[in-house]
Amino acid sequence: MPNEKIFTERNESFVCENCGTIVTKSVTTSRDHCTECLYGKHVDYNPGDRLQRCKGLLKPIGLKVHDGKQQIVYACMFCGERRFSLVQSDDNYDEIILISQKPW
């Protein structure tokens, strides 16, 4: 299928460029955003490929449900592209509630 996303597992620890939190590897899946402030980095075209040249910060701007799963809605602060990422069980629940109240 031409529109199907290719997933490359990439589960790495990193330091959040927004808040400085040391983010550890995920227990269940590949980690792609900070567990504290929920910011991410625009590094992928397809999940895990690290081929995106933009490298802007992904600001969490809302929450949506897709196929019964909660997803964080992101806007890249550099190029404006919208991205989506699954909420993980160890994400900061207070931040999830805050973004869930934002119209995007």
N, C-alpha and C. Protein backbone atom coordinates (compact mmCIF):
# COMPACT_ATOMS: atom_id res chain seq x y z
N MET A 1 0.84 -1.19 0.00
CA MET A 1 0.00 0.00 0.00
C MET A 1 0.88 1.25 0.00
N PRO A 2 0.68 2.16 -0.92
CA PRO A 2 1.55 3.32 -1.01
C PRO A 2 1.43 4.29 0.16
N ASN A 3 0.28 4.40 0.82
CA ASN A 3 0.11 5.34 1.92
C ASN A 3 0.42 4.73 3.28
N GLU A 4 0.78 3.46 3.32
CA GLU A 4 1.07 2.80 4.58
C GLU A 4 2.43 3.28 5.10
N LYS A 5 2.47 3.65 6.38
CA LYS A 5 3.73 4.10 6.97
C LYS A 5 4.61 2.91 7.31
N ILE A 6 5.88 3.08 7.06
CA ILE A 6 6.86 2.06 7.39
C ILE A 6 7.41 2.41 8.77
N PHE A 7 7.42 1.47 9.68
CA PHE A 7 7.86 1.69 11.04
C PHE A 7 9.22 1.06 11.26
N THR A 8 10.20 1.89 11.66
CA THR A 8 11.52 1.41 12.02
C THR A 8 11.65 1.56 13.52
N GLU A 9 11.81 0.44 14.23
CA GLU A 9 11.91 0.53 15.68
C GLU A 9 13.18 1.27 16.07
N ARG A 10 12.99 2.31 16.88
CA ARG A 10 14.10 3.14 17.32
C ARG A 10 13.79 3.56 18.76
N ASN A 11 14.23 2.78 19.72
CA ASN A 11 13.92 3.03 21.12
C ASN A 11 15.19 3.49 21.82
N GLU A 12 15.38 4.80 21.88
CA GLU A 12 16.61 5.38 22.42
C GLU A 12 16.30 6.36 23.54
N SER A 13 17.21 6.47 24.48
CA SER A 13 17.13 7.53 25.49
C SER A 13 17.59 8.83 24.84
N PHE A 14 17.10 9.97 25.37
CA PHE A 14 17.52 11.27 24.85
C PHE A 14 17.26 12.35 25.89
N VAL A 15 17.83 13.51 25.67
CA VAL A 15 17.58 14.68 26.52
C VAL A 15 16.61 15.58 25.77
N CYS A 16 15.50 15.92 26.41
CA CYS A 16 14.49 16.76 25.78
C CYS A 16 15.06 18.16 25.52
N GLU A 17 14.95 18.62 24.29
CA GLU A 17 15.45 19.95 23.93
C GLU A 17 14.55 21.07 24.42
N ASN A 18 13.34 20.74 24.85
CA ASN A 18 12.43 21.77 25.37
C ASN A 18 12.61 21.97 26.87
N CYS A 19 12.62 20.89 27.66
CA CYS A 19 12.64 21.05 29.12
C CYS A 19 13.88 20.48 29.79
N GLY A 20 14.73 19.76 29.05
CA GLY A 20 15.97 19.23 29.60
C GLY A 20 15.84 17.90 30.34
N THR A 21 14.65 17.32 30.36
CA THR A 21 14.45 16.02 31.02
C THR A 21 15.25 14.94 30.30
N ILE A 22 15.87 14.06 31.08
CA ILE A 22 16.51 12.88 30.50
C ILE A 22 15.40 11.84 30.34
N VAL A 23 15.08 11.53 29.09
CA VAL A 23 13.98 10.62 28.76
C VAL A 23 14.57 9.24 28.49
N THR A 24 14.09 8.26 29.24
CA THR A 24 14.61 6.90 29.11
C THR A 24 13.86 6.13 28.03
N LYS A 25 14.42 5.01 27.64
CA LYS A 25 13.78 4.13 26.66
C LYS A 25 12.40 3.71 27.15
N SER A 26 11.52 3.45 26.22
CA SER A 26 10.19 2.96 26.55
C SER A 26 10.24 1.46 26.86
N VAL A 27 9.37 1.03 27.73
CA VAL A 27 9.29 -0.38 28.07
C VAL A 27 8.56 -1.16 26.98
N THR A 28 7.60 -0.50 26.30
CA THR A 28 6.72 -1.23 25.39
C THR A 28 6.92 -0.93 23.90
N THR A 29 7.39 0.26 23.55
CA THR A 29 7.49 0.64 22.14
C THR A 29 8.59 1.67 21.95
N SER A 30 8.78 2.14 20.76
CA SER A 30 9.79 3.17 20.51
C SER A 30 9.33 4.51 21.09
N ARG A 31 10.23 5.19 21.74
CA ARG A 31 9.92 6.48 22.36
C ARG A 31 10.20 7.59 21.35
N ASP A 32 9.27 8.56 21.23
CA ASP A 32 9.50 9.64 20.27
C ASP A 32 9.14 11.02 20.83
N HIS A 33 8.86 11.10 22.13
CA HIS A 33 8.57 12.40 22.73
C HIS A 33 8.91 12.36 24.22
N CYS A 34 9.04 13.53 24.79
CA CYS A 34 9.37 13.67 26.21
C CYS A 34 8.18 13.24 27.05
N THR A 35 8.44 12.47 28.09
CA THR A 35 7.38 12.01 28.98
C THR A 35 6.89 13.11 29.91
N GLU A 36 7.67 14.17 30.10
CA GLU A 36 7.29 15.25 31.02
C GLU A 36 6.52 16.36 30.31
N CYS A 37 7.13 16.99 29.31
CA CYS A 37 6.49 18.15 28.65
C CYS A 37 5.78 17.75 27.36
N LEU A 38 5.98 16.51 26.91
CA LEU A 38 5.36 15.92 25.72
C LEU A 38 5.90 16.45 24.39
N TYR A 39 6.88 17.35 24.41
CA TYR A 39 7.47 17.84 23.16
C TYR A 39 8.24 16.72 22.47
N GLY A 40 8.30 16.80 21.16
CA GLY A 40 9.08 15.87 20.37
C GLY A 40 10.00 16.64 19.45
N LYS A 41 10.64 15.93 18.54
CA LYS A 41 11.53 16.57 17.57
C LYS A 41 11.18 16.02 16.20
N HIS A 42 11.12 16.90 15.21
CA HIS A 42 10.74 16.55 13.85
C HIS A 42 11.93 15.91 13.15
N VAL A 43 12.12 14.61 13.38
CA VAL A 43 13.29 13.91 12.83
C VAL A 43 12.93 12.80 11.84
N ASP A 44 11.65 12.43 11.76
CA ASP A 44 11.25 11.29 10.92
C ASP A 44 10.27 11.69 9.82
N TYR A 45 10.40 11.04 8.66
CA TYR A 45 9.33 11.03 7.66
C TYR A 45 8.37 9.92 8.03
N ASN A 46 8.91 8.71 8.14
CA ASN A 46 8.18 7.56 8.64
C ASN A 46 8.73 7.24 10.01
N PRO A 47 7.91 6.73 10.93
CA PRO A 47 8.36 6.50 12.30
C PRO A 47 9.69 5.75 12.39
N GLY A 48 10.66 6.39 13.02
CA GLY A 48 11.95 5.78 13.28
C GLY A 48 13.00 5.90 12.20
N ASP A 49 12.68 6.50 11.05
CA ASP A 49 13.67 6.52 9.96
C ASP A 49 14.74 7.59 10.11
N ARG A 50 14.50 8.62 10.89
CA ARG A 50 15.44 9.73 11.16
C ARG A 50 15.94 10.41 9.88
N LEU A 51 15.07 10.47 8.86
CA LEU A 51 15.46 11.05 7.57
C LEU A 51 14.94 12.48 7.36
N GLN A 52 14.17 13.01 8.27
CA GLN A 52 13.62 14.36 8.14
C GLN A 52 14.74 15.38 8.38
N ARG A 53 14.87 16.34 7.51
CA ARG A 53 15.92 17.35 7.64
C ARG A 53 15.50 18.54 8.50
N CYS A 54 14.22 18.72 8.75
CA CYS A 54 13.70 19.87 9.46
C CYS A 54 14.32 20.03 10.85
N LYS A 55 14.21 19.03 11.69
CA LYS A 55 14.76 18.99 13.05
C LYS A 55 14.15 20.02 14.00
N GLY A 56 12.98 20.58 13.64
CA GLY A 56 12.30 21.52 14.53
C GLY A 56 11.67 20.81 15.71
N LEU A 57 11.37 21.58 16.77
CA LEU A 57 10.66 21.01 17.91
C LEU A 57 9.20 20.81 17.54
N LEU A 58 8.65 19.69 18.01
CA LEU A 58 7.24 19.39 17.81
C LEU A 58 6.49 19.78 19.08
N LYS A 59 5.67 20.81 18.98
CA LYS A 59 4.91 21.31 20.11
C LYS A 59 3.58 20.55 20.21
N PRO A 60 3.26 20.00 21.41
CA PRO A 60 1.97 19.34 21.56
C PRO A 60 0.85 20.38 21.58
N ILE A 61 -0.11 20.23 20.66
CA ILE A 61 -1.17 21.24 20.54
C ILE A 61 -2.57 20.69 20.77
N GLY A 62 -2.67 19.39 20.98
CA GLY A 62 -3.99 18.81 21.20
C GLY A 62 -3.91 17.30 21.33
N LEU A 63 -5.09 16.72 21.44
CA LEU A 63 -5.21 15.28 21.59
C LEU A 63 -6.33 14.80 20.70
N LYS A 64 -6.14 13.63 20.08
CA LYS A 64 -7.20 13.04 19.27
C LYS A 64 -7.24 11.55 19.53
N VAL A 65 -8.33 10.92 19.13
CA VAL A 65 -8.45 9.47 19.25
C VAL A 65 -8.54 8.92 17.83
N HIS A 66 -7.68 7.93 17.55
CA HIS A 66 -7.66 7.28 16.24
C HIS A 66 -7.61 5.77 16.48
N ASP A 67 -8.55 5.05 15.89
CA ASP A 67 -8.64 3.60 16.07
C ASP A 67 -8.66 3.21 17.55
N GLY A 68 -9.34 4.03 18.35
CA GLY A 68 -9.48 3.74 19.78
C GLY A 68 -8.27 4.07 20.63
N LYS A 69 -7.25 4.69 20.03
CA LYS A 69 -6.03 5.01 20.78
C LYS A 69 -5.83 6.52 20.82
N GLN A 70 -5.40 7.03 21.98
CA GLN A 70 -5.13 8.46 22.12
C GLN A 70 -3.82 8.81 21.43
N GLN A 71 -3.86 9.93 20.68
CA GLN A 71 -2.67 10.42 20.01
C GLN A 71 -2.46 11.89 20.35
N ILE A 72 -1.22 12.25 20.58
CA ILE A 72 -0.85 13.65 20.77
C ILE A 72 -0.76 14.28 19.39
N VAL A 73 -1.36 15.45 19.24
CA VAL A 73 -1.30 16.21 17.99
C VAL A 73 -0.16 17.21 18.14
N TYR A 74 0.73 17.23 17.17
CA TYR A 74 1.89 18.11 17.18
C TYR A 74 1.86 19.09 16.03
N ALA A 75 2.45 20.26 16.26
CA ALA A 75 2.75 21.21 15.20
C ALA A 75 4.24 21.49 15.29
N CYS A 76 4.94 21.34 14.18
CA CYS A 76 6.37 21.63 14.16
C CYS A 76 6.55 23.14 14.27
N MET A 77 7.39 23.57 15.20
CA MET A 77 7.61 24.99 15.43
C MET A 77 8.49 25.61 14.35
N PHE A 78 9.11 24.79 13.49
CA PHE A 78 9.94 25.31 12.42
C PHE A 78 9.20 25.35 11.09
N CYS A 79 8.62 24.20 10.69
CA CYS A 79 8.00 24.14 9.36
C CYS A 79 6.46 24.12 9.40
N GLY A 80 5.88 23.93 10.59
CA GLY A 80 4.43 23.96 10.72
C GLY A 80 3.71 22.64 10.45
N GLU A 81 4.43 21.60 10.01
CA GLU A 81 3.79 20.32 9.70
C GLU A 81 3.10 19.75 10.94
N ARG A 82 1.98 19.10 10.72
CA ARG A 82 1.25 18.41 11.80
C ARG A 82 1.69 16.95 11.83
N ARG A 83 1.93 16.45 13.04
CA ARG A 83 2.32 15.05 13.26
C ARG A 83 1.48 14.50 14.40
N PHE A 84 1.47 13.18 14.54
CA PHE A 84 0.69 12.51 15.59
C PHE A 84 1.55 11.44 16.22
N SER A 85 1.38 11.25 17.54
CA SER A 85 2.15 10.24 18.25
C SER A 85 1.27 9.63 19.34
N LEU A 86 1.36 8.33 19.50
CA LEU A 86 0.57 7.66 20.52
C LEU A 86 0.97 8.11 21.93
N VAL A 87 -0.04 8.30 22.77
CA VAL A 87 0.19 8.56 24.19
C VAL A 87 0.74 7.28 24.80
N GLN A 88 1.77 7.41 25.64
CA GLN A 88 2.35 6.25 26.30
C GLN A 88 1.96 6.25 27.78
N SER A 89 1.99 5.09 28.38
CA SER A 89 1.50 4.93 29.75
C SER A 89 2.27 5.75 30.78
N ASP A 90 3.52 6.09 30.49
CA ASP A 90 4.31 6.87 31.46
C ASP A 90 4.38 8.36 31.11
N ASP A 91 3.55 8.81 30.17
CA ASP A 91 3.48 10.25 29.86
C ASP A 91 2.86 11.01 31.04
N ASN A 92 3.27 12.25 31.18
CA ASN A 92 2.77 13.13 32.24
C ASN A 92 1.26 13.35 32.04
N TYR A 93 0.47 12.74 32.91
CA TYR A 93 -0.99 12.77 32.75
C TYR A 93 -1.55 14.19 32.86
N ASP A 94 -0.94 15.02 33.71
CA ASP A 94 -1.40 16.42 33.83
C ASP A 94 -1.25 17.16 32.51
N GLU A 95 -0.14 16.90 31.80
CA GLU A 95 0.08 17.54 30.49
C GLU A 95 -0.91 16.99 29.45
N ILE A 96 -1.21 15.70 29.53
CA ILE A 96 -2.19 15.11 28.61
C ILE A 96 -3.54 15.80 28.80
N ILE A 97 -3.94 16.00 30.04
CA ILE A 97 -5.21 16.68 30.32
C ILE A 97 -5.19 18.10 29.78
N LEU A 98 -4.09 18.82 29.99
CA LEU A 98 -3.99 20.20 29.49
C LEU A 98 -4.14 20.28 27.97
N ILE A 99 -3.43 19.41 27.24
CA ILE A 99 -3.53 19.50 25.79
C ILE A 99 -4.86 18.98 25.27
N SER A 100 -5.50 18.10 26.04
CA SER A 100 -6.79 17.57 25.59
C SER A 100 -7.88 18.64 25.58
N GLN A 101 -7.64 19.74 26.28
CA GLN A 101 -8.62 20.82 26.37
C GLN A 101 -8.40 21.90 25.32
N LYS A 102 -7.35 21.74 24.51
CA LYS A 102 -7.02 22.75 23.50
C LYS A 102 -7.69 22.42 22.17
N PRO A 103 -8.35 23.40 21.56
CA PRO A 103 -8.86 23.18 20.21
C PRO A 103 -7.70 23.31 19.21
N TRP A 104 -7.57 22.37 18.34
CA TRP A 104 -6.48 22.45 17.37
C TRP A 104 -7.02 22.46 15.99
